[in-house]
Amino acid sequence: MNDERTGTTEPIIIDTRTPAEFAEGHLRGARLIDFNGGEVEAAIPHLDPTATYLLYCRSGNRSGQAAALMAAAGFESATNLGTLAEASEATGLDIITDGLESAPNTTPA
């Protein structure tokens, strides 16, 4: 999202996992675009190629493939952050589940 008043750009966080994975926990503010469901390729023509995108998934594989597709389509900044935990650490964003916050980078016992 571009802020014309300050000239700053907020990165767009994309979770490339499945809806079920997303429901188990995702970064606050993340947008779900399911790579396995073909949603990334379908979304590319509708996304701003000049925006900054930060992508993650379960292992970094799907988000890496999505970032490569975006780069091939001419996107200026699509970065694979790896796993959900790595993305949380890199961005400082909390992992939320069912609308409730949980501590970043934690695994339930």
N, C-alpha and C. Protein backbone atom coordinates (compact mmCIF):
# COMPACT_ATOMS: atom_id res chain seq x y z
N MET A 1 0.82 -1.17 0.00
CA MET A 1 0.00 0.00 0.00
C MET A 1 0.87 1.24 0.00
N ASN A 2 0.69 2.08 -0.94
CA ASN A 2 1.48 3.30 -1.01
C ASN A 2 0.81 4.40 -0.21
N ASP A 3 1.61 5.16 0.52
CA ASP A 3 1.11 6.30 1.26
C ASP A 3 1.65 7.54 0.57
N GLU A 4 0.79 8.18 -0.22
CA GLU A 4 1.22 9.33 -1.02
C GLU A 4 1.65 10.50 -0.15
N ARG A 5 1.14 10.59 1.07
CA ARG A 5 1.48 11.71 1.94
C ARG A 5 2.92 11.65 2.41
N THR A 6 3.40 10.42 2.72
CA THR A 6 4.75 10.30 3.25
C THR A 6 5.74 9.70 2.26
N GLY A 7 5.21 9.14 1.18
CA GLY A 7 6.08 8.51 0.20
C GLY A 7 6.57 7.14 0.63
N THR A 8 6.02 6.60 1.73
CA THR A 8 6.44 5.28 2.19
C THR A 8 5.56 4.20 1.59
N THR A 9 6.08 3.02 1.57
CA THR A 9 5.34 1.88 1.04
C THR A 9 5.32 0.78 2.09
N GLU A 10 4.14 0.31 2.43
CA GLU A 10 3.98 -0.82 3.34
C GLU A 10 4.06 -2.10 2.53
N PRO A 11 4.85 -3.07 2.94
CA PRO A 11 4.88 -4.33 2.19
C PRO A 11 3.55 -5.08 2.31
N ILE A 12 3.24 -5.85 1.30
CA ILE A 12 2.05 -6.69 1.30
C ILE A 12 2.51 -8.09 1.66
N ILE A 13 1.94 -8.63 2.74
CA ILE A 13 2.32 -9.95 3.24
C ILE A 13 1.39 -10.97 2.59
N ILE A 14 1.97 -11.98 1.94
CA ILE A 14 1.18 -13.02 1.28
C ILE A 14 1.54 -14.38 1.87
N ASP A 15 0.51 -15.08 2.33
CA ASP A 15 0.63 -16.45 2.82
C ASP A 15 0.22 -17.35 1.66
N THR A 16 1.13 -18.17 1.18
CA THR A 16 0.86 -19.00 0.00
C THR A 16 0.39 -20.41 0.36
N ARG A 17 0.04 -20.62 1.63
CA ARG A 17 -0.41 -21.93 2.07
C ARG A 17 -1.89 -22.15 1.74
N THR A 18 -2.40 -23.30 2.15
CA THR A 18 -3.81 -23.62 1.92
C THR A 18 -4.69 -22.91 2.95
N PRO A 19 -5.99 -22.80 2.69
CA PRO A 19 -6.89 -22.19 3.68
C PRO A 19 -6.84 -22.90 5.04
N ALA A 20 -6.71 -24.22 5.04
CA ALA A 20 -6.63 -24.95 6.32
C ALA A 20 -5.37 -24.57 7.09
N GLU A 21 -4.24 -24.47 6.39
CA GLU A 21 -2.98 -24.07 7.04
C GLU A 21 -3.09 -22.64 7.57
N PHE A 22 -3.68 -21.76 6.77
CA PHE A 22 -3.86 -20.37 7.15
C PHE A 22 -4.68 -20.28 8.43
N ALA A 23 -5.74 -21.08 8.53
CA ALA A 23 -6.62 -21.05 9.70
C ALA A 23 -5.90 -21.50 10.97
N GLU A 24 -4.86 -22.33 10.81
CA GLU A 24 -4.10 -22.81 11.97
C GLU A 24 -3.19 -21.74 12.56
N GLY A 25 -2.91 -20.70 11.80
CA GLY A 25 -2.07 -19.61 12.27
C GLY A 25 -1.43 -18.91 11.10
N HIS A 26 -1.42 -17.58 11.14
CA HIS A 26 -0.85 -16.78 10.05
C HIS A 26 -0.38 -15.44 10.61
N LEU A 27 0.38 -14.72 9.82
CA LEU A 27 0.84 -13.40 10.26
C LEU A 27 -0.32 -12.42 10.25
N ARG A 28 -0.32 -11.57 11.26
CA ARG A 28 -1.33 -10.51 11.33
C ARG A 28 -1.25 -9.68 10.04
N GLY A 29 -2.39 -9.52 9.38
CA GLY A 29 -2.46 -8.70 8.17
C GLY A 29 -2.12 -9.43 6.88
N ALA A 30 -1.79 -10.72 6.99
CA ALA A 30 -1.42 -11.48 5.79
C ALA A 30 -2.64 -11.73 4.91
N ARG A 31 -2.37 -11.77 3.62
CA ARG A 31 -3.39 -12.08 2.62
C ARG A 31 -3.15 -13.51 2.14
N LEU A 32 -4.19 -14.34 2.18
CA LEU A 32 -4.06 -15.72 1.73
C LEU A 32 -4.22 -15.78 0.22
N ILE A 33 -3.19 -16.32 -0.45
CA ILE A 33 -3.25 -16.61 -1.88
C ILE A 33 -2.65 -18.02 -2.03
N ASP A 34 -3.53 -19.01 -2.10
CA ASP A 34 -3.18 -20.43 -2.07
C ASP A 34 -2.41 -20.85 -3.33
N PHE A 35 -1.12 -21.16 -3.16
CA PHE A 35 -0.30 -21.58 -4.29
C PHE A 35 -0.80 -22.90 -4.87
N ASN A 36 -1.06 -23.88 -4.01
CA ASN A 36 -1.50 -25.20 -4.49
C ASN A 36 -2.84 -25.13 -5.20
N GLY A 37 -3.67 -24.16 -4.84
CA GLY A 37 -4.98 -24.00 -5.46
C GLY A 37 -4.95 -23.20 -6.74
N GLY A 38 -3.76 -22.82 -7.19
CA GLY A 38 -3.62 -22.05 -8.44
C GLY A 38 -3.94 -20.57 -8.30
N GLU A 39 -4.10 -20.11 -7.06
CA GLU A 39 -4.50 -18.72 -6.85
C GLU A 39 -3.39 -17.72 -7.13
N VAL A 40 -2.13 -18.12 -6.98
CA VAL A 40 -1.03 -17.18 -7.22
C VAL A 40 -1.01 -16.77 -8.69
N GLU A 41 -1.01 -17.76 -9.58
CA GLU A 41 -1.00 -17.44 -11.01
C GLU A 41 -2.22 -16.63 -11.41
N ALA A 42 -3.37 -16.94 -10.82
CA ALA A 42 -4.59 -16.20 -11.14
C ALA A 42 -4.55 -14.77 -10.61
N ALA A 43 -3.85 -14.56 -9.48
CA ALA A 43 -3.80 -13.24 -8.85
C ALA A 43 -2.80 -12.30 -9.50
N ILE A 44 -1.74 -12.85 -10.07
CA ILE A 44 -0.64 -12.02 -10.60
C ILE A 44 -1.12 -10.88 -11.50
N PRO A 45 -2.01 -11.10 -12.45
CA PRO A 45 -2.43 -9.98 -13.30
C PRO A 45 -3.18 -8.87 -12.56
N HIS A 46 -3.64 -9.17 -11.34
CA HIS A 46 -4.44 -8.20 -10.58
C HIS A 46 -3.64 -7.52 -9.47
N LEU A 47 -2.38 -7.88 -9.31
CA LEU A 47 -1.54 -7.30 -8.27
C LEU A 47 -0.67 -6.19 -8.85
N ASP A 48 -0.31 -5.24 -8.00
CA ASP A 48 0.53 -4.11 -8.39
C ASP A 48 1.99 -4.57 -8.51
N PRO A 49 2.57 -4.58 -9.71
CA PRO A 49 3.94 -5.06 -9.86
C PRO A 49 4.99 -4.14 -9.24
N THR A 50 4.61 -2.93 -8.83
CA THR A 50 5.57 -2.01 -8.22
C THR A 50 5.54 -2.07 -6.70
N ALA A 51 4.58 -2.81 -6.13
CA ALA A 51 4.48 -2.93 -4.68
C ALA A 51 5.55 -3.89 -4.16
N THR A 52 5.77 -3.85 -2.86
CA THR A 52 6.70 -4.75 -2.20
C THR A 52 5.91 -5.89 -1.58
N TYR A 53 6.28 -7.13 -1.93
CA TYR A 53 5.59 -8.32 -1.45
C TYR A 53 6.54 -9.17 -0.62
N LEU A 54 6.04 -9.65 0.52
CA LEU A 54 6.76 -10.57 1.37
C LEU A 54 5.92 -11.83 1.45
N LEU A 55 6.49 -12.97 1.05
CA LEU A 55 5.75 -14.21 0.95
C LEU A 55 6.30 -15.26 1.91
N TYR A 56 5.40 -16.13 2.40
CA TYR A 56 5.83 -17.24 3.24
C TYR A 56 4.88 -18.42 3.05
N CYS A 57 5.30 -19.59 3.54
CA CYS A 57 4.48 -20.80 3.51
C CYS A 57 4.95 -21.72 4.64
N ARG A 58 4.72 -23.01 4.52
CA ARG A 58 5.11 -23.96 5.57
C ARG A 58 6.62 -24.19 5.58
N SER A 59 7.21 -24.39 4.39
CA SER A 59 8.63 -24.73 4.32
C SER A 59 9.48 -23.70 3.56
N GLY A 60 8.83 -22.80 2.83
CA GLY A 60 9.54 -21.86 1.97
C GLY A 60 9.50 -22.26 0.52
N ASN A 61 9.03 -23.47 0.23
CA ASN A 61 9.00 -23.96 -1.15
C ASN A 61 7.93 -23.24 -1.98
N ARG A 62 6.69 -23.27 -1.53
CA ARG A 62 5.62 -22.63 -2.30
C ARG A 62 5.82 -21.12 -2.40
N SER A 63 6.25 -20.50 -1.31
CA SER A 63 6.47 -19.05 -1.36
C SER A 63 7.64 -18.72 -2.28
N GLY A 64 8.65 -19.60 -2.34
CA GLY A 64 9.76 -19.40 -3.27
C GLY A 64 9.31 -19.51 -4.71
N GLN A 65 8.46 -20.49 -4.98
CA GLN A 65 7.94 -20.64 -6.34
C GLN A 65 7.05 -19.44 -6.71
N ALA A 66 6.26 -18.98 -5.76
CA ALA A 66 5.39 -17.83 -6.02
C ALA A 66 6.23 -16.58 -6.29
N ALA A 67 7.28 -16.37 -5.49
CA ALA A 67 8.16 -15.22 -5.70
C ALA A 67 8.82 -15.29 -7.08
N ALA A 68 9.21 -16.49 -7.51
CA ALA A 68 9.82 -16.66 -8.83
C ALA A 68 8.83 -16.34 -9.94
N LEU A 69 7.58 -16.79 -9.78
CA LEU A 69 6.55 -16.46 -10.77
C LEU A 69 6.33 -14.96 -10.86
N MET A 70 6.29 -14.31 -9.70
CA MET A 70 6.09 -12.86 -9.68
C MET A 70 7.26 -12.14 -10.33
N ALA A 71 8.48 -12.57 -10.05
CA ALA A 71 9.66 -11.96 -10.66
C ALA A 71 9.62 -12.14 -12.17
N ALA A 72 9.24 -13.32 -12.63
CA ALA A 72 9.15 -13.59 -14.07
C ALA A 72 8.09 -12.73 -14.74
N ALA A 73 7.09 -12.34 -13.96
CA ALA A 73 6.01 -11.49 -14.48
C ALA A 73 6.37 -10.01 -14.40
N GLY A 74 7.58 -9.70 -13.93
CA GLY A 74 8.03 -8.31 -13.90
C GLY A 74 7.83 -7.59 -12.59
N PHE A 75 7.51 -8.31 -11.53
CA PHE A 75 7.34 -7.66 -10.23
C PHE A 75 8.69 -7.19 -9.73
N GLU A 76 8.73 -5.99 -9.16
CA GLU A 76 9.98 -5.38 -8.73
C GLU A 76 10.50 -5.95 -7.42
N SER A 77 9.59 -6.36 -6.52
CA SER A 77 10.03 -6.82 -5.21
C SER A 77 9.08 -7.88 -4.66
N ALA A 78 9.48 -9.14 -4.80
CA ALA A 78 8.74 -10.28 -4.23
C ALA A 78 9.76 -11.13 -3.50
N THR A 79 9.73 -11.11 -2.18
CA THR A 79 10.74 -11.77 -1.36
C THR A 79 10.17 -12.97 -0.63
N ASN A 80 10.84 -14.09 -0.74
CA ASN A 80 10.47 -15.30 -0.02
C ASN A 80 11.05 -15.22 1.38
N LEU A 81 10.17 -15.16 2.39
CA LEU A 81 10.64 -15.11 3.78
C LEU A 81 10.79 -16.49 4.39
N GLY A 82 10.39 -17.54 3.66
CA GLY A 82 10.53 -18.90 4.17
C GLY A 82 9.30 -19.35 4.92
N THR A 83 9.49 -19.87 6.12
CA THR A 83 8.40 -20.43 6.91
C THR A 83 7.62 -19.33 7.64
N LEU A 84 6.49 -19.73 8.22
CA LEU A 84 5.69 -18.80 9.02
C LEU A 84 6.52 -18.23 10.16
N ALA A 85 7.24 -19.09 10.87
CA ALA A 85 8.07 -18.63 11.99
C ALA A 85 9.17 -17.68 11.51
N GLU A 86 9.82 -18.02 10.40
CA GLU A 86 10.87 -17.15 9.86
C GLU A 86 10.29 -15.81 9.41
N ALA A 87 9.09 -15.85 8.83
CA ALA A 87 8.44 -14.61 8.39
C ALA A 87 8.07 -13.74 9.58
N SER A 88 7.61 -14.37 10.66
CA SER A 88 7.28 -13.63 11.87
C SER A 88 8.51 -12.96 12.44
N GLU A 89 9.61 -13.71 12.47
CA GLU A 89 10.86 -13.15 12.99
C GLU A 89 11.37 -12.01 12.11
N ALA A 90 11.31 -12.18 10.79
CA ALA A 90 11.82 -11.17 9.86
C ALA A 90 11.01 -9.88 9.89
N THR A 91 9.71 -10.01 10.07
CA THR A 91 8.83 -8.84 10.02
C THR A 91 8.49 -8.26 11.38
N GLY A 92 8.64 -9.06 12.43
CA GLY A 92 8.22 -8.64 13.75
C GLY A 92 6.71 -8.72 13.96
N LEU A 93 6.01 -9.33 12.99
CA LEU A 93 4.56 -9.45 13.09
C LEU A 93 4.18 -10.68 13.91
N ASP A 94 3.09 -10.55 14.65
CA ASP A 94 2.58 -11.66 15.45
C ASP A 94 1.92 -12.71 14.58
N ILE A 95 1.95 -13.94 15.07
CA ILE A 95 1.20 -15.04 14.47
C ILE A 95 -0.14 -15.07 15.18
N ILE A 96 -1.21 -15.04 14.41
CA ILE A 96 -2.54 -15.08 15.01
C ILE A 96 -3.28 -16.34 14.55
N THR A 97 -4.17 -16.81 15.42
CA THR A 97 -4.98 -18.00 15.15
C THR A 97 -6.41 -17.68 15.56
N ASP A 98 -7.36 -17.89 14.65
CA ASP A 98 -8.76 -17.66 14.96
C ASP A 98 -8.99 -16.28 15.55
N GLY A 99 -8.25 -15.29 15.06
CA GLY A 99 -8.43 -13.92 15.53
C GLY A 99 -7.75 -13.63 16.85
N LEU A 100 -7.10 -14.62 17.46
CA LEU A 100 -6.41 -14.42 18.73
C LEU A 100 -4.91 -14.38 18.50
N GLU A 101 -4.25 -13.48 19.19
CA GLU A 101 -2.80 -13.37 19.05
C GLU A 101 -2.12 -14.51 19.78
N SER A 102 -1.03 -14.97 19.23
CA SER A 102 -0.14 -15.87 19.94
C SER A 102 1.26 -15.32 19.80
N ALA A 103 2.13 -15.76 20.66
CA ALA A 103 3.49 -15.26 20.62
C ALA A 103 4.15 -15.68 19.32
N PRO A 104 4.93 -14.80 18.70
CA PRO A 104 5.62 -15.17 17.46
C PRO A 104 6.57 -16.34 17.69
N ASN A 105 6.67 -17.18 16.67
CA ASN A 105 7.64 -18.26 16.65
C ASN A 105 7.46 -19.28 17.77
N THR A 106 6.21 -19.53 18.20
CA THR A 106 6.00 -20.54 19.21
C THR A 106 5.26 -21.72 18.64
N THR A 107 5.49 -22.87 19.21
CA THR A 107 4.81 -24.09 18.79
C THR A 107 4.02 -24.60 19.99
N PRO A 108 2.73 -24.89 19.82
CA PRO A 108 1.95 -25.40 20.94
C PRO A 108 2.50 -26.74 21.42
N ALA A 109 2.43 -26.97 22.72
CA ALA A 109 2.95 -28.21 23.30
C ALA A 109 2.01 -29.37 23.03
